[in-house]
Amino acid sequence: MIKSELVQRIAEHNPHLYQRDVENIVNAILDEITRALARGDRVELRGFGAFSVKTRDARTGRNPRTGETVDVSRKAVPVFKTGKEMRQRLNAAPIKGRVAAEA
Protein backbone atom coordinates (compact mmCIF):
# COMPACT_ATOMS: atom_id res chain seq x y z
CA MET A 1 0.00 0.00 0.00
CA ILE A 2 1.26 3.45 -0.85
CA LYS A 3 0.42 6.69 0.92
CA SER A 4 -2.28 7.73 -1.57
CA GLU A 5 -4.03 4.37 -1.09
CA LEU A 6 -3.87 4.81 2.69
CA VAL A 7 -5.41 8.27 2.39
CA GLN A 8 -8.14 6.93 0.12
CA ARG A 9 -9.02 4.07 2.50
CA ILE A 10 -9.15 6.36 5.53
CA ALA A 11 -11.35 8.79 3.59
CA GLU A 12 -13.69 5.92 2.59
CA HIS A 13 -14.02 4.82 6.24
CA ASN A 14 -14.67 8.42 7.33
CA PRO A 15 -17.11 9.93 4.80
CA HIS A 16 -17.58 12.98 7.02
CA LEU A 17 -13.97 14.03 6.23
CA TYR A 18 -12.76 15.49 2.95
CA GLN A 19 -10.01 13.52 1.24
CA ARG A 20 -7.73 16.58 1.25
CA ASP A 21 -8.16 16.85 5.04
CA VAL A 22 -7.29 13.17 5.48
CA GLU A 23 -4.20 13.70 3.30
CA ASN A 24 -3.17 16.68 5.46
CA ILE A 25 -3.60 14.60 8.62
CA VAL A 26 -1.57 11.67 7.26
CA ASN A 27 1.17 14.05 6.10
CA ALA A 28 1.20 15.80 9.48
CA ILE A 29 1.60 12.49 11.33
CA LEU A 30 4.40 11.29 9.06
CA ASP A 31 6.16 14.67 9.21
CA GLU A 32 6.02 14.69 13.00
CA ILE A 33 7.44 11.17 13.19
CA THR A 34 10.25 12.25 10.86
CA ARG A 35 10.99 15.39 12.91
CA ALA A 36 11.04 13.38 16.15
CA LEU A 37 13.48 10.87 14.68
CA ALA A 38 15.67 13.70 13.37
CA ARG A 39 15.84 15.05 16.95
CA GLY A 40 16.92 11.60 18.12
CA ASP A 41 13.62 10.82 19.84
CA ARG A 42 11.88 7.46 19.82
CA VAL A 43 8.27 7.31 18.57
CA GLU A 44 6.06 4.60 20.03
CA LEU A 45 2.56 3.88 18.77
CA ARG A 46 1.07 1.40 21.23
CA GLY A 47 -0.21 -1.75 19.57
CA PHE A 48 1.52 -0.80 16.31
CA GLY A 49 5.24 -0.45 16.92
CA ALA A 50 8.14 1.85 17.66
CA PHE A 51 10.34 3.95 15.41
CA SER A 52 13.88 4.76 16.50
CA VAL A 53 17.22 5.75 15.02
CA LYS A 54 20.38 3.65 15.09
CA THR A 55 23.79 4.87 14.10
CA ARG A 56 26.01 2.86 11.80
CA ASP A 57 29.71 3.50 12.35
CA ALA A 58 32.02 4.57 9.55
CA ARG A 59 33.63 1.66 7.76
CA THR A 60 35.66 0.69 4.76
CA GLY A 61 33.57 -0.79 1.99
CA ARG A 62 34.29 -2.15 -1.45
CA ASN A 63 32.98 -1.00 -4.83
CA PRO A 64 31.43 -4.20 -6.27
CA ARG A 65 32.11 -3.14 -9.85
CA THR A 66 35.80 -2.24 -9.55
CA GLY A 67 36.78 -3.96 -6.30
CA GLU A 68 38.28 -0.68 -5.11
CA THR A 69 38.00 0.12 -1.41
CA VAL A 70 35.89 3.12 -0.46
CA ASP A 71 35.28 4.90 2.83
CA VAL A 72 31.66 4.75 3.96
CA SER A 73 30.84 7.54 6.41
CA ARG A 74 28.92 7.20 9.66
CA LYS A 75 25.16 7.41 9.16
CA ALA A 76 21.87 7.32 11.02
CA VAL A 77 19.24 4.82 9.87
CA PRO A 78 15.59 4.58 10.90
CA VAL A 79 14.50 1.35 12.58
CA PHE A 80 10.97 0.04 13.10
CA LYS A 81 10.08 -2.65 15.61
CA THR A 82 6.57 -4.06 15.53
CA GLY A 83 4.45 -4.01 18.65
CA LYS A 84 3.19 -7.13 20.38
CA GLU A 85 -0.43 -6.58 19.32
CA MET A 86 0.53 -6.18 15.65
CA ARG A 87 2.66 -9.34 15.70
CA GLN A 88 -0.22 -11.28 17.26
CA ARG A 89 -2.70 -9.98 14.68
CA LEU A 90 -0.34 -10.78 11.80
CA ASN A 91 0.32 -14.29 13.04
CA ALA A 92 -3.38 -14.99 13.66
CA ALA A 93 -4.34 -14.21 10.06
CA PRO A 94 -3.50 -16.59 7.17
CA ILE A 95 -0.71 -15.24 4.99
CA LYS A 96 -1.89 -14.40 1.48
CA GLY A 97 -0.21 -16.42 -1.27
CA ARG A 98 1.56 -18.80 1.10
CA VAL A 99 1.21 -22.54 0.57
CA ALA A 100 0.00 -24.47 3.63
CA ALA A 101 3.22 -26.55 3.72
CA GLU A 102 5.31 -23.34 4.05
CA ALA A 103 3.30 -22.15 7.03
C-alpha atoms as a PDB file:
ATOM      1  CA  MET A   1       0.000   0.000   0.000  1.00  0.00           C
ATOM      2  CA  ILE A   2       1.263   3.447  -0.848  1.00  0.00           C
ATOM      3  CA  LYS A   3       0.424   6.688   0.922  1.00  0.00           C
ATOM      4  CA  SER A   4      -2.275   7.732  -1.566  1.00  0.00           C
ATOM      5  CA  GLU A   5      -4.030   4.373  -1.092  1.00  0.00           C
ATOM      6  CA  LEU A   6      -3.874   4.805   2.687  1.00  0.00           C
ATOM      7  CA  VAL A   7      -5.405   8.272   2.394  1.00  0.00           C
ATOM      8  CA  GLN A   8      -8.141   6.926   0.124  1.00  0.00           C
ATOM      9  CA  ARG A   9      -9.024   4.072   2.505  1.00  0.00           C
ATOM     10  CA  ILE A  10      -9.150   6.360   5.527  1.00  0.00           C
ATOM     11  CA  ALA A  11     -11.355   8.790   3.589  1.00  0.00           C
ATOM     12  CA  GLU A  12     -13.685   5.917   2.593  1.00  0.00           C
ATOM     13  CA  HIS A  13     -14.021   4.822   6.236  1.00  0.00           C
ATOM     14  CA  ASN A  14     -14.670   8.423   7.329  1.00  0.00           C
ATOM     15  CA  PRO A  15     -17.111   9.928   4.805  1.00  0.00           C
ATOM     16  CA  HIS A  16     -17.584  12.984   7.020  1.00  0.00           C
ATOM     17  CA  LEU A  17     -13.974  14.033   6.228  1.00  0.00           C
ATOM     18  CA  TYR A  18     -12.765  15.487   2.950  1.00  0.00           C
ATOM     19  CA  GLN A  19     -10.009  13.519   1.240  1.00  0.00           C
ATOM     20  CA  ARG A  20      -7.725  16.584   1.250  1.00  0.00           C
ATOM     21  CA  ASP A  21      -8.158  16.854   5.036  1.00  0.00           C
ATOM     22  CA  VAL A  22      -7.290  13.174   5.480  1.00  0.00           C
ATOM     23  CA  GLU A  23      -4.205  13.705   3.301  1.00  0.00           C
ATOM     24  CA  ASN A  24      -3.166  16.683   5.461  1.00  0.00           C
ATOM     25  CA  ILE A  25      -3.603  14.602   8.620  1.00  0.00           C
ATOM     26  CA  VAL A  26      -1.570  11.674   7.259  1.00  0.00           C
ATOM     27  CA  ASN A  27       1.174  14.050   6.098  1.00  0.00           C
ATOM     28  CA  ALA A  28       1.204  15.798   9.478  1.00  0.00           C
ATOM     29  CA  ILE A  29       1.601  12.486  11.325  1.00  0.00           C
ATOM     30  CA  LEU A  30       4.404  11.289   9.059  1.00  0.00           C
ATOM     31  CA  ASP A  31       6.159  14.671   9.210  1.00  0.00           C
ATOM     32  CA  GLU A  32       6.019  14.688  13.002  1.00  0.00           C
ATOM     33  CA  ILE A  33       7.441  11.167  13.194  1.00  0.00           C
ATOM     34  CA  THR A  34      10.250  12.253  10.865  1.00  0.00           C
ATOM     35  CA  ARG A  35      10.988  15.389  12.914  1.00  0.00           C
ATOM     36  CA  ALA A  36      11.043  13.375  16.154  1.00  0.00           C
ATOM     37  CA  LEU A  37      13.485  10.866  14.681  1.00  0.00           C
ATOM     38  CA  ALA A  38      15.673  13.696  13.374  1.00  0.00           C
ATOM     39  CA  ARG A  39      15.841  15.046  16.953  1.00  0.00           C
ATOM     40  CA  GLY A  40      16.918  11.605  18.119  1.00  0.00           C
ATOM     41  CA  ASP A  41      13.617  10.824  19.840  1.00  0.00           C
ATOM     42  CA  ARG A  42      11.875   7.457  19.819  1.00  0.00           C
ATOM     43  CA  VAL A  43       8.270   7.313  18.566  1.00  0.00           C
ATOM     44  CA  GLU A  44       6.058   4.596  20.030  1.00  0.00           C
ATOM     45  CA  LEU A  45       2.563   3.885  18.765  1.00  0.00           C
ATOM     46  CA  ARG A  46       1.071   1.397  21.227  1.00  0.00           C
ATOM     47  CA  GLY A  47      -0.205  -1.750  19.569  1.00  0.00           C
ATOM     48  CA  PHE A  48       1.518  -0.801  16.305  1.00  0.00           C
ATOM     49  CA  GLY A  49       5.244  -0.453  16.922  1.00  0.00           C
ATOM     50  CA  ALA A  50       8.140   1.851  17.664  1.00  0.00           C
ATOM     51  CA  PHE A  51      10.339   3.952  15.406  1.00  0.00           C
ATOM     52  CA  SER A  52      13.877   4.763  16.502  1.00  0.00           C
ATOM     53  CA  VAL A  53      17.220   5.748  15.022  1.00  0.00           C
ATOM     54  CA  LYS A  54      20.376   3.654  15.087  1.00  0.00           C
ATOM     55  CA  THR A  55      23.791   4.874  14.098  1.00  0.00           C
ATOM     56  CA  ARG A  56      26.013   2.863  11.800  1.00  0.00           C
ATOM     57  CA  ASP A  57      29.711   3.499  12.346  1.00  0.00           C
ATOM     58  CA  ALA A  58      32.016   4.573   9.552  1.00  0.00           C
ATOM     59  CA  ARG A  59      33.629   1.662   7.760  1.00  0.00           C
ATOM     60  CA  THR A  60      35.659   0.688   4.761  1.00  0.00           C
ATOM     61  CA  GLY A  61      33.568  -0.789   1.987  1.00  0.00           C
ATOM     62  CA  ARG A  62      34.291  -2.147  -1.453  1.00  0.00           C
ATOM     63  CA  ASN A  63      32.981  -1.005  -4.826  1.00  0.00           C
ATOM     64  CA  PRO A  64      31.435  -4.199  -6.274  1.00  0.00           C
ATOM     65  CA  ARG A  65      32.111  -3.143  -9.853  1.00  0.00           C
ATOM     66  CA  THR A  66      35.796  -2.242  -9.553  1.00  0.00           C
ATOM     67  CA  GLY A  67      36.780  -3.965  -6.302  1.00  0.00           C
ATOM     68  CA  GLU A  68      38.277  -0.677  -5.112  1.00  0.00           C
ATOM     69  CA  THR A  69      38.002   0.123  -1.407  1.00  0.00           C
ATOM     70  CA  VAL A  70      35.886   3.125  -0.459  1.00  0.00           C
ATOM     71  CA  ASP A  71      35.277   4.904   2.829  1.00  0.00           C
ATOM     72  CA  VAL A  72      31.659   4.754   3.964  1.00  0.00           C
ATOM     73  CA  SER A  73      30.835   7.545   6.408  1.00  0.00           C
ATOM     74  CA  ARG A  74      28.915   7.197   9.659  1.00  0.00           C
ATOM     75  CA  LYS A  75      25.158   7.406   9.158  1.00  0.00           C
ATOM     76  CA  ALA A  76      21.871   7.319  11.019  1.00  0.00           C
ATOM     77  CA  VAL A  77      19.242   4.822   9.869  1.00  0.00           C
ATOM     78  CA  PRO A  78      15.589   4.584  10.905  1.00  0.00           C
ATOM     79  CA  VAL A  79      14.499   1.350  12.579  1.00  0.00           C
ATOM     80  CA  PHE A  80      10.970   0.044  13.104  1.00  0.00           C
ATOM     81  CA  LYS A  81      10.081  -2.651  15.614  1.00  0.00           C
ATOM     82  CA  THR A  82       6.565  -4.064  15.534  1.00  0.00           C
ATOM     83  CA  GLY A  83       4.449  -4.008  18.653  1.00  0.00           C
ATOM     84  CA  LYS A  84       3.194  -7.132  20.376  1.00  0.00           C
ATOM     85  CA  GLU A  85      -0.428  -6.584  19.315  1.00  0.00           C
ATOM     86  CA  MET A  86       0.531  -6.183  15.655  1.00  0.00           C
ATOM     87  CA  ARG A  87       2.660  -9.344  15.704  1.00  0.00           C
ATOM     88  CA  GLN A  88      -0.223 -11.277  17.259  1.00  0.00           C
ATOM     89  CA  ARG A  89      -2.703  -9.982  14.679  1.00  0.00           C
ATOM     90  CA  LEU A  90      -0.344 -10.784  11.795  1.00  0.00           C
ATOM     91  CA  ASN A  91       0.324 -14.289  13.043  1.00  0.00           C
ATOM     92  CA  ALA A  92      -3.379 -14.994  13.656  1.00  0.00           C
ATOM     93  CA  ALA A  93      -4.339 -14.208  10.056  1.00  0.00           C
ATOM     94  CA  PRO A  94      -3.495 -16.592   7.173  1.00  0.00           C
ATOM     95  CA  ILE A  95      -0.712 -15.240   4.989  1.00  0.00           C
ATOM     96  CA  LYS A  96      -1.890 -14.404   1.482  1.00  0.00           C
ATOM     97  CA  GLY A  97      -0.211 -16.418  -1.269  1.00  0.00           C
ATOM     98  CA  ARG A  98       1.561 -18.800   1.105  1.00  0.00           C
ATOM     99  CA  VAL A  99       1.211 -22.544   0.574  1.00  0.00           C
ATOM    100  CA  ALA A 100       0.004 -24.470   3.632  1.00  0.00           C
ATOM    101  CA  ALA A 101       3.222 -26.550   3.715  1.00  0.00           C
ATOM    102  CA  GLU A 102       5.311 -23.343   4.053  1.00  0.00           C
ATOM    103  CA  ALA A 103       3.305 -22.153   7.027  1.00  0.00           C
END
